[in-house]
Amino acid sequence: MHLDALDDPAITAEVERLLARRTRDIRLTGEINRLFRARVWSQTAKIIRAWMIWVSFLDVLTLALYMLLLPRAIALSMLLPGAIIPPVVIAVVLIWRKPRALWLQGATLIAGMFLILLSVALVGASAGGEFYERHLSIMLFVAITAIIIFSIPLDWTVTLATLALALYLAFQLQNPGLEIGSAVAATLFFASGVFATVAARRTMTILAQKTFLLELRDRRRVAELAAANDQLKLLARTDPLTGLANRRWMTETLDHLWGGRRKIPGGAAMLMCDIDEFKMLNDRLGHAEGDRCLVKVAGIIQANVRYDRDHVARYGGEEFLVLLPGLNEQEAIVVAERIRESVEAAALPNPSSRASRHVTISIGVAVQSQTEVDTSPEQLQRHADAALYLAKQAGRNRVLLHKPETSVRKNGPAAR
């Protein structure tokens, strides 16, 4: 079953409408009926093929026993009509090996069943005597077993039942040992049993259809619950204002990347970014403008890193943490400087800032090289934070790289 169908509002509404009915009034139509047929086809086809093979085996076995136990003339008269069944079974089994057009499968099954029932009746008529009545009863038994176990459309089931009764009546009318009235009475008697079986089959089908509808509804509800849970997880890990990862998600990401090791394979760089004089922006222009600034800066940072590899998080307030796996010092500084220049070029207003009349950003850079053997994510973050602190002290709107014992300014404008 395609899960896409569960997203179709029309199918969802139809499922609820059908389940609101009484069980006996359930009728599947349209797309839901197609989905149901697709759902049960494999099992139905397997049952039909197994039943056909079983009938063919019993036919061959019965003919073999007749050849051994009956007079040769009688046994030979049964052989030709009995030989109809095996090739018919082969044809039906081949058609029902894989899904085909519904009309083709229906026509093949009904034609095959007619020939099988006709074969059973002809075997008895050819032998005559006690075999005549016995094989007509066997024919009805064969038809009833098929009606009971074949999960097929109701019109197919009714057709099979009608064909079986029609053959029974036709052969009984030709029975030299039976009067017409008795033939009709016997047919009516068996008709009550056959159509009671059809009614039972219909009930079984309706119950199967209701189970399918309940399964559709349950799967939709499970899918909705899973989607809601995924959304809750996303909300728990996402900053609601900027849409970036939040501090919790970044911490989990760092733990996952390091994986308990003392360094990340391939090395990594970390950027600690902070919007300059953000409190003054909030005080002067208001929190709405401050929120707009945060959203714009978050988008600028995200646009200047590798989408499929780097990680960006709003780490708190106006701070952003960027992890750049696999980058060395020079590459990390290039990325940081590109971010700084892009923020400055956006010309977002910050009239009270001492660094510029527009929004600027200071960035501390820390790099874990491949040769280092003992740098945890917490240590790398502390190094980036220390470099950021010195960048602020040096006048803001600049990029500083952390160095042991000191932090050296790289590629930033002069302090203002």
Protein backbone atom coordinates (compact mmCIF):
# COMPACT_ATOMS: atom_id res chain seq x y z
CA MET A 1 0.00 0.00 0.00
CA HIS A 2 1.33 3.42 -0.91
CA LEU A 3 1.66 5.72 2.09
CA ASP A 4 0.95 8.66 -0.22
CA ALA A 5 -2.68 7.55 -0.28
CA LEU A 6 -2.91 8.24 3.44
CA ASP A 7 -2.15 11.91 2.73
CA ASP A 8 -5.13 12.26 0.37
CA PRO A 9 -7.89 14.17 2.23
CA ALA A 10 -10.54 12.63 -0.01
CA ILE A 11 -9.47 9.09 0.93
CA THR A 12 -9.26 10.03 4.60
CA ALA A 13 -12.77 11.48 4.50
CA GLU A 14 -14.11 8.42 2.66
CA VAL A 15 -12.54 6.06 5.20
CA GLU A 16 -14.19 7.93 8.08
CA ARG A 17 -17.53 7.99 6.25
CA LEU A 18 -17.46 4.24 5.62
CA LEU A 19 -16.44 3.40 9.19
CA ALA A 20 -19.33 5.52 10.48
CA ARG A 21 -21.75 3.15 8.71
CA ARG A 22 -23.04 -0.17 9.98
CA THR A 23 -20.64 -2.97 9.09
CA ARG A 24 -23.09 -4.66 6.75
CA ASP A 25 -23.51 -1.42 4.76
CA ILE A 26 -19.82 -1.00 3.94
CA ARG A 27 -19.18 -0.77 0.19
CA LEU A 28 -15.74 0.05 -1.18
CA THR A 29 -15.61 2.03 -4.41
CA GLY A 30 -13.13 4.02 -6.44
CA GLU A 31 -9.60 4.46 -5.17
CA ILE A 32 -10.23 2.78 -1.82
CA ASN A 33 -11.52 -0.32 -3.58
CA ARG A 34 -8.43 -0.30 -5.81
CA LEU A 35 -6.20 -0.05 -2.74
CA PHE A 36 -8.07 -2.91 -1.08
CA ARG A 37 -7.74 -5.14 -4.13
CA ALA A 38 -4.03 -4.35 -4.31
CA ARG A 39 -3.70 -5.09 -0.59
CA VAL A 40 -5.31 -8.57 -0.77
CA TRP A 41 -4.22 -9.57 -4.27
CA SER A 42 -1.12 -11.49 -3.26
CA GLN A 43 -2.92 -13.64 -0.70
CA THR A 44 -5.94 -14.15 -2.97
CA ALA A 45 -3.77 -15.17 -5.91
CA LYS A 46 -1.80 -17.59 -3.74
CA ILE A 47 -5.02 -19.22 -2.50
CA ILE A 48 -6.48 -19.51 -6.01
CA ARG A 49 -3.29 -21.06 -7.39
CA ALA A 50 -3.07 -23.53 -4.49
CA TRP A 51 -6.75 -24.47 -4.87
CA MET A 52 -6.34 -25.03 -8.60
CA ILE A 53 -3.31 -27.26 -8.11
CA TRP A 54 -5.17 -29.21 -5.41
CA VAL A 55 -8.15 -29.81 -7.73
CA SER A 56 -5.85 -30.88 -10.56
CA PHE A 57 -3.99 -33.30 -8.27
CA LEU A 58 -7.26 -34.85 -7.02
CA ASP A 59 -8.50 -35.14 -10.60
CA VAL A 60 -5.40 -37.01 -11.77
CA LEU A 61 -5.41 -39.20 -8.65
CA THR A 62 -9.11 -40.04 -9.05
CA LEU A 63 -8.72 -40.94 -12.72
CA ALA A 64 -5.75 -43.15 -11.88
CA LEU A 65 -7.78 -44.98 -9.22
CA TYR A 66 -10.69 -45.37 -11.64
CA MET A 67 -8.34 -46.94 -14.18
CA LEU A 68 -7.21 -49.44 -11.55
CA LEU A 69 -10.55 -50.22 -9.90
CA LEU A 70 -13.29 -49.84 -12.50
CA PRO A 71 -14.06 -51.82 -15.63
CA ARG A 72 -11.85 -50.62 -18.45
CA ALA A 73 -14.73 -49.34 -20.61
CA ILE A 74 -16.13 -47.16 -17.82
CA ALA A 75 -12.69 -45.87 -16.81
CA LEU A 76 -11.82 -44.94 -20.40
CA SER A 77 -15.09 -43.04 -20.78
CA MET A 78 -14.09 -40.90 -17.80
CA LEU A 79 -10.57 -40.23 -19.03
CA LEU A 80 -11.25 -37.71 -21.82
CA PRO A 81 -13.59 -35.33 -19.88
CA GLY A 82 -11.34 -35.65 -16.82
CA ALA A 83 -8.32 -34.61 -18.89
CA ILE A 84 -9.83 -31.13 -19.31
CA ILE A 85 -8.84 -30.02 -15.81
CA PRO A 86 -4.98 -30.07 -15.85
CA PRO A 87 -4.49 -27.72 -18.84
CA VAL A 88 -7.22 -25.40 -17.53
CA VAL A 89 -5.47 -25.27 -14.16
CA ILE A 90 -2.11 -24.49 -15.80
CA ALA A 91 -3.67 -21.58 -17.72
CA VAL A 92 -5.33 -20.09 -14.63
CA VAL A 93 -2.19 -20.49 -12.51
CA LEU A 94 -0.07 -18.73 -15.15
CA ILE A 95 -2.51 -15.80 -15.41
CA TRP A 96 -2.65 -15.43 -11.62
CA ARG A 97 1.11 -15.50 -11.06
CA LYS A 98 1.34 -11.70 -11.20
CA PRO A 99 -1.12 -8.78 -11.19
CA ARG A 100 -2.88 -8.20 -14.49
CA ALA A 101 -5.93 -6.32 -15.72
CA LEU A 102 -8.89 -7.03 -13.46
CA TRP A 103 -11.15 -8.03 -16.36
CA LEU A 104 -8.55 -10.54 -17.60
CA GLN A 105 -8.15 -12.17 -14.23
CA GLY A 106 -11.90 -12.28 -13.68
CA ALA A 107 -12.62 -13.74 -17.12
CA THR A 108 -9.84 -16.33 -16.73
CA LEU A 109 -11.01 -17.43 -13.30
CA ILE A 110 -14.68 -17.69 -14.24
CA ALA A 111 -13.94 -19.51 -17.51
CA GLY A 112 -11.50 -21.82 -15.74
CA MET A 113 -14.01 -22.61 -13.00
CA PHE A 114 -16.74 -23.28 -15.57
CA LEU A 115 -14.51 -25.76 -17.43
CA ILE A 116 -13.47 -27.48 -14.18
CA LEU A 117 -17.09 -27.86 -13.06
CA LEU A 118 -18.10 -28.99 -16.53
CA SER A 119 -15.30 -31.57 -16.50
CA VAL A 120 -16.44 -33.02 -13.18
CA ALA A 121 -20.03 -33.24 -14.40
CA LEU A 122 -19.02 -34.81 -17.74
CA VAL A 123 -16.97 -37.49 -15.98
CA GLY A 124 -20.09 -38.60 -14.11
CA ALA A 125 -22.37 -38.32 -17.14
CA SER A 126 -19.93 -40.35 -19.28
CA ALA A 127 -19.76 -43.16 -16.72
CA GLY A 128 -23.50 -43.10 -15.98
CA GLY A 129 -25.21 -45.05 -13.25
CA GLU A 130 -24.25 -44.20 -9.71
CA PHE A 131 -21.43 -41.96 -10.97
CA TYR A 132 -23.89 -39.55 -12.59
CA GLU A 133 -25.46 -38.26 -9.38
CA ARG A 134 -22.26 -38.63 -7.38
CA HIS A 135 -20.19 -36.41 -9.68
CA LEU A 136 -22.88 -33.73 -9.83
CA SER A 137 -22.70 -33.57 -6.03
CA ILE A 138 -18.90 -33.46 -6.26
CA MET A 139 -19.21 -30.61 -8.75
CA LEU A 140 -21.31 -28.59 -6.28
CA PHE A 141 -18.82 -29.37 -3.50
CA VAL A 142 -15.96 -28.11 -5.68
CA ALA A 143 -17.91 -24.92 -6.43
CA ILE A 144 -18.76 -24.33 -2.75
CA THR A 145 -15.13 -24.72 -1.62
CA ALA A 146 -14.09 -22.15 -4.23
CA ILE A 147 -16.82 -19.73 -3.15
CA ILE A 148 -15.79 -20.03 0.50
CA ILE A 149 -12.04 -19.49 0.11
CA PHE A 150 -11.80 -17.17 -2.93
CA SER A 151 -11.67 -13.55 -1.71
CA ILE A 152 -12.94 -12.14 -5.01
CA PRO A 153 -15.48 -9.45 -5.96
CA LEU A 154 -19.08 -10.33 -5.12
CA ASP A 155 -20.21 -10.32 -8.75
CA TRP A 156 -17.56 -12.94 -9.55
CA THR A 157 -18.75 -15.08 -6.63
CA VAL A 158 -22.39 -14.83 -7.72
CA THR A 159 -21.40 -15.75 -11.27
CA LEU A 160 -19.57 -18.88 -10.06
CA ALA A 161 -22.56 -19.90 -7.94
CA THR A 162 -24.98 -19.34 -10.83
CA LEU A 163 -22.81 -21.34 -13.27
CA ALA A 164 -22.56 -24.24 -10.82
CA LEU A 165 -26.33 -24.38 -10.28
CA ALA A 166 -27.04 -23.99 -13.99
CA LEU A 167 -24.74 -26.91 -14.83
CA TYR A 168 -26.29 -28.98 -12.05
CA LEU A 169 -29.83 -28.31 -13.32
CA ALA A 170 -28.87 -28.91 -16.97
CA PHE A 171 -27.27 -32.28 -16.22
CA GLN A 172 -30.04 -33.33 -13.86
CA LEU A 173 -32.62 -32.59 -16.55
CA GLN A 174 -30.66 -34.98 -18.78
CA ASN A 175 -30.44 -37.60 -16.05
CA PRO A 176 -32.41 -40.60 -17.31
CA GLY A 177 -33.02 -41.81 -13.78
CA LEU A 178 -34.60 -38.56 -12.56
CA GLU A 179 -37.90 -36.86 -13.34
CA ILE A 180 -38.02 -33.16 -14.26
CA GLY A 181 -39.81 -32.20 -11.04
CA SER A 182 -37.23 -34.00 -8.95
CA ALA A 183 -34.40 -32.34 -10.90
CA VAL A 184 -35.84 -28.88 -10.26
CA ALA A 185 -36.51 -29.65 -6.60
CA ALA A 186 -32.97 -30.92 -6.10
CA THR A 187 -31.57 -27.82 -7.78
CA LEU A 188 -33.64 -25.53 -5.57
CA PHE A 189 -32.49 -27.44 -2.49
CA PHE A 190 -28.83 -27.10 -3.37
CA ALA A 191 -29.40 -23.47 -4.48
CA SER A 192 -30.36 -22.54 -0.90
CA GLY A 193 -27.07 -23.95 0.37
CA VAL A 194 -24.98 -22.42 -2.41
CA PHE A 195 -26.38 -18.93 -1.97
CA ALA A 196 -26.11 -19.22 1.83
CA THR A 197 -22.42 -19.86 1.16
CA VAL A 198 -22.34 -16.77 -1.09
CA ALA A 199 -23.88 -14.71 1.73
CA ALA A 200 -21.24 -16.03 4.15
CA ARG A 201 -18.51 -15.16 1.67
CA ARG A 202 -19.97 -11.66 1.34
CA THR A 203 -19.89 -11.23 5.13
CA MET A 204 -16.27 -12.40 5.24
CA THR A 205 -15.38 -9.90 2.51
CA ILE A 206 -17.12 -7.03 4.31
CA LEU A 207 -15.27 -7.88 7.52
CA ALA A 208 -11.99 -7.94 5.59
CA GLN A 209 -12.84 -4.57 4.06
CA LYS A 210 -13.66 -3.11 7.47
CA THR A 211 -10.35 -4.41 8.82
CA PHE A 212 -8.63 -2.72 5.87
CA LEU A 213 -10.41 0.57 6.58
CA LEU A 214 -9.42 0.38 10.25
CA GLU A 215 -5.85 -0.31 9.18
CA LEU A 216 -5.93 2.73 6.89
CA ARG A 217 -7.22 4.93 9.69
CA ASP A 218 -4.73 3.55 12.22
CA ARG A 219 -1.81 3.99 9.83
CA ARG A 220 -2.88 7.56 9.14
CA ARG A 221 -3.14 8.28 12.86
CA VAL A 222 0.26 6.68 13.49
CA ALA A 223 1.72 8.75 10.65
CA GLU A 224 0.17 11.90 12.11
CA LEU A 225 1.52 11.03 15.56
CA ALA A 226 4.98 10.35 14.13
CA ALA A 227 4.89 13.65 12.25
CA ALA A 228 3.83 15.45 15.42
CA ASN A 229 6.65 13.81 17.37
CA ASP A 230 9.15 14.73 14.66
CA GLN A 231 7.88 18.30 14.78
CA LEU A 232 8.26 18.39 18.56
CA LYS A 233 11.80 17.05 18.27
CA LEU A 234 12.57 19.67 15.64
CA LEU A 235 11.11 22.43 17.80
CA ALA A 236 13.13 21.19 20.77
CA ARG A 237 16.33 21.43 18.72
CA THR A 238 15.61 24.50 16.62
CA ASP A 239 15.79 28.16 17.47
CA PRO A 240 12.22 29.39 16.82
CA LEU A 241 13.31 32.87 15.68
CA THR A 242 16.12 32.15 13.23
CA GLY A 243 15.33 28.56 12.27
CA LEU A 244 18.93 27.55 13.01
CA ALA A 245 19.91 24.74 15.34
CA ASN A 246 19.79 25.75 18.99
CA ARG A 247 22.46 25.21 21.62
CA ARG A 248 21.09 21.80 22.57
CA TRP A 249 21.18 20.50 19.02
CA MET A 250 24.70 21.84 18.47
CA THR A 251 25.90 20.16 21.66
CA GLU A 252 24.42 16.84 20.50
CA THR A 253 26.01 17.33 17.07
CA LEU A 254 29.44 17.99 18.58
CA ASP A 255 29.16 14.93 20.80
CA HIS A 256 28.14 12.83 17.79
CA LEU A 257 30.97 14.09 15.57
CA TRP A 258 33.61 13.60 18.22
CA GLY A 259 32.08 10.27 19.19
CA GLY A 260 33.92 10.04 22.50
CA ARG A 261 37.28 10.69 20.83
CA ARG A 262 39.60 13.52 21.83
CA LYS A 263 39.55 14.95 18.32
CA ILE A 264 37.31 14.93 15.27
CA PRO A 265 38.72 12.90 12.36
CA GLY A 266 40.13 15.20 9.68
CA GLY A 267 40.36 18.19 12.00
CA ALA A 268 37.87 21.04 12.35
CA ALA A 269 37.50 24.76 12.81
CA MET A 270 35.05 26.54 15.09
CA LEU A 271 33.78 30.09 14.75
CA MET A 272 32.22 31.98 17.63
CA CYS A 273 30.29 34.92 16.14
CA ASP A 274 28.77 37.80 18.09
CA ILE A 275 26.77 40.79 16.79
CA ASP A 276 28.50 43.98 17.89
CA GLU A 277 26.62 46.37 20.21
CA PHE A 278 23.42 44.34 19.91
CA LYS A 279 22.02 45.64 23.21
CA MET A 280 22.32 49.21 21.91
CA LEU A 281 20.41 48.19 18.78
CA ASN A 282 17.61 46.74 20.90
CA ASP A 283 17.50 49.78 23.17
CA ARG A 284 17.51 52.29 20.30
CA LEU A 285 15.39 50.58 17.63
CA GLY A 286 13.31 48.15 19.69
CA HIS A 287 13.13 44.39 20.04
CA ALA A 288 11.25 43.89 16.76
CA GLU A 289 14.16 45.41 14.85
CA GLY A 290 16.54 43.35 16.98
CA ASP A 291 14.70 40.16 16.02
CA ARG A 292 14.82 41.15 12.36
CA CYS A 293 18.57 41.72 12.69
CA LEU A 294 19.07 38.27 14.23
CA VAL A 295 17.12 36.60 11.43
CA LYS A 296 19.08 38.43 8.72
CA VAL A 297 22.48 37.70 10.31
CA ALA A 298 21.54 34.02 10.78
CA GLY A 299 20.64 33.81 7.09
CA ILE A 300 23.92 35.48 6.09
CA ILE A 301 25.98 33.05 8.17
CA GLN A 302 24.08 30.05 6.79
CA ALA A 303 24.57 31.31 3.23
CA ASN A 304 28.34 31.52 3.64
CA VAL A 305 29.03 27.96 4.83
CA ARG A 306 28.79 24.55 3.17
CA TYR A 307 25.17 23.47 3.32
CA ASP A 308 25.87 19.72 3.32
CA ARG A 309 28.77 19.64 5.80
CA ASP A 310 29.03 22.65 8.11
CA HIS A 311 26.89 23.26 11.19
CA VAL A 312 25.46 26.58 12.38
CA ALA A 313 23.62 27.23 15.65
CA ARG A 314 22.29 30.20 17.53
CA TYR A 315 24.18 29.66 20.74
CA GLY A 316 22.43 32.25 22.85
CA GLY A 317 21.26 35.82 22.52
CA GLU A 318 23.23 37.39 19.65
CA GLU A 319 25.90 34.63 19.56
CA PHE A 320 26.25 32.07 16.79
CA LEU A 321 28.49 29.00 16.75
CA VAL A 322 29.76 27.58 13.46
CA LEU A 323 31.54 24.23 13.10
CA LEU A 324 33.62 23.74 9.93
CA PRO A 325 34.85 20.12 9.70
CA GLY A 326 38.01 19.50 7.69
CA LEU A 327 39.17 23.13 7.38
CA ASN A 328 42.62 24.43 8.27
CA GLU A 329 43.46 27.87 9.70
CA GLN A 330 43.60 29.79 6.43
CA GLU A 331 40.40 28.22 5.09
CA ALA A 332 38.55 28.92 8.33
CA ILE A 333 39.71 32.55 8.31
CA VAL A 334 38.50 32.96 4.72
CA VAL A 335 35.03 31.68 5.71
CA ALA A 336 34.93 33.89 8.81
CA GLU A 337 36.01 36.98 6.87
CA ARG A 338 33.42 36.27 4.21
CA ILE A 339 30.74 36.16 6.89
CA ARG A 340 31.97 39.39 8.48
CA GLU A 341 32.06 41.22 5.15
CA SER A 342 28.61 39.95 4.16
CA VAL A 343 27.08 41.16 7.43
CA GLU A 344 28.71 44.57 7.02
CA ALA A 345 27.59 44.78 3.39
CA ALA A 346 23.97 44.10 4.38
CA ALA A 347 23.96 47.61 5.94
CA LEU A 348 21.47 46.75 8.67
CA PRO A 349 20.93 49.83 10.87
CA ASN A 350 22.58 50.12 14.29
CA PRO A 351 22.88 53.89 14.86
CA SER A 352 24.14 53.61 18.44
CA SER A 353 27.00 51.22 17.70
CA ARG A 354 30.51 52.44 18.47
CA ALA A 355 31.96 50.15 15.78
CA SER A 356 29.86 51.33 12.83
CA ARG A 357 26.54 52.97 11.91
CA HIS A 358 25.49 49.58 10.63
CA VAL A 359 25.34 46.11 12.14
CA THR A 360 28.74 44.40 12.32
CA ILE A 361 29.94 41.11 13.69
CA SER A 362 33.05 39.96 15.53
CA ILE A 363 34.32 36.41 15.06
CA GLY A 364 36.73 34.28 17.09
CA VAL A 365 38.32 31.37 15.22
CA ALA A 366 39.79 28.22 16.75
CA VAL A 367 41.21 25.37 14.70
CA GLN A 368 41.91 21.78 15.63
CA SER A 369 44.54 20.51 13.25
CA GLN A 370 44.96 16.90 12.23
CA THR A 371 48.24 16.72 14.14
CA GLU A 372 46.69 17.65 17.48
CA VAL A 373 45.80 14.64 19.58
CA ASP A 374 43.86 16.06 22.51
CA THR A 375 41.30 18.77 21.75
CA SER A 376 37.74 18.24 22.91
CA PRO A 377 34.82 20.25 21.47
CA GLU A 378 34.58 22.10 24.78
CA GLN A 379 38.24 23.13 24.53
CA LEU A 380 37.83 24.20 20.91
CA GLN A 381 34.82 26.29 21.88
CA ARG A 382 36.71 27.93 24.74
CA HIS A 383 39.53 28.81 22.33
CA ALA A 384 37.07 30.37 19.86
CA ASP A 385 35.37 32.26 22.68
CA ALA A 386 38.72 33.59 23.89
CA ALA A 387 39.55 34.80 20.38
CA LEU A 388 36.13 36.45 20.16
CA TYR A 389 36.75 38.24 23.47
CA LEU A 390 40.01 39.67 22.13
CA ALA A 391 38.28 40.69 18.89
CA LYS A 392 35.80 42.69 20.93
CA GLN A 393 38.59 44.29 22.93
CA ALA A 394 40.46 45.18 19.74
CA GLY A 395 37.56 47.26 18.45
CA ARG A 396 34.95 44.81 17.11
CA ASN A 397 34.03 44.08 13.47
CA ARG A 398 37.00 41.81 12.96
CA VAL A 399 38.16 38.18 12.79
CA LEU A 400 40.73 36.86 15.27
CA LEU A 401 42.43 33.46 15.21
CA HIS A 402 43.20 31.80 18.49
CA LYS A 403 46.88 31.04 19.08
CA PRO A 404 48.49 29.44 22.12
CA GLU A 405 49.04 32.13 24.74
CA THR A 406 47.77 34.86 22.40
CA SER A 407 45.27 35.64 19.65
CA VAL A 408 46.47 37.31 16.45
CA ARG A 409 44.19 39.55 14.37
CA LYS A 410 43.65 38.38 10.79
CA ASN A 411 42.17 40.26 7.86
CA GLY A 412 40.00 42.63 9.92
CA PRO A 413 39.75 46.41 9.59
CA ALA A 414 41.45 48.69 12.06
CA ALA A 415 39.77 49.15 15.41
CA ARG A 416 37.44 52.10 15.70
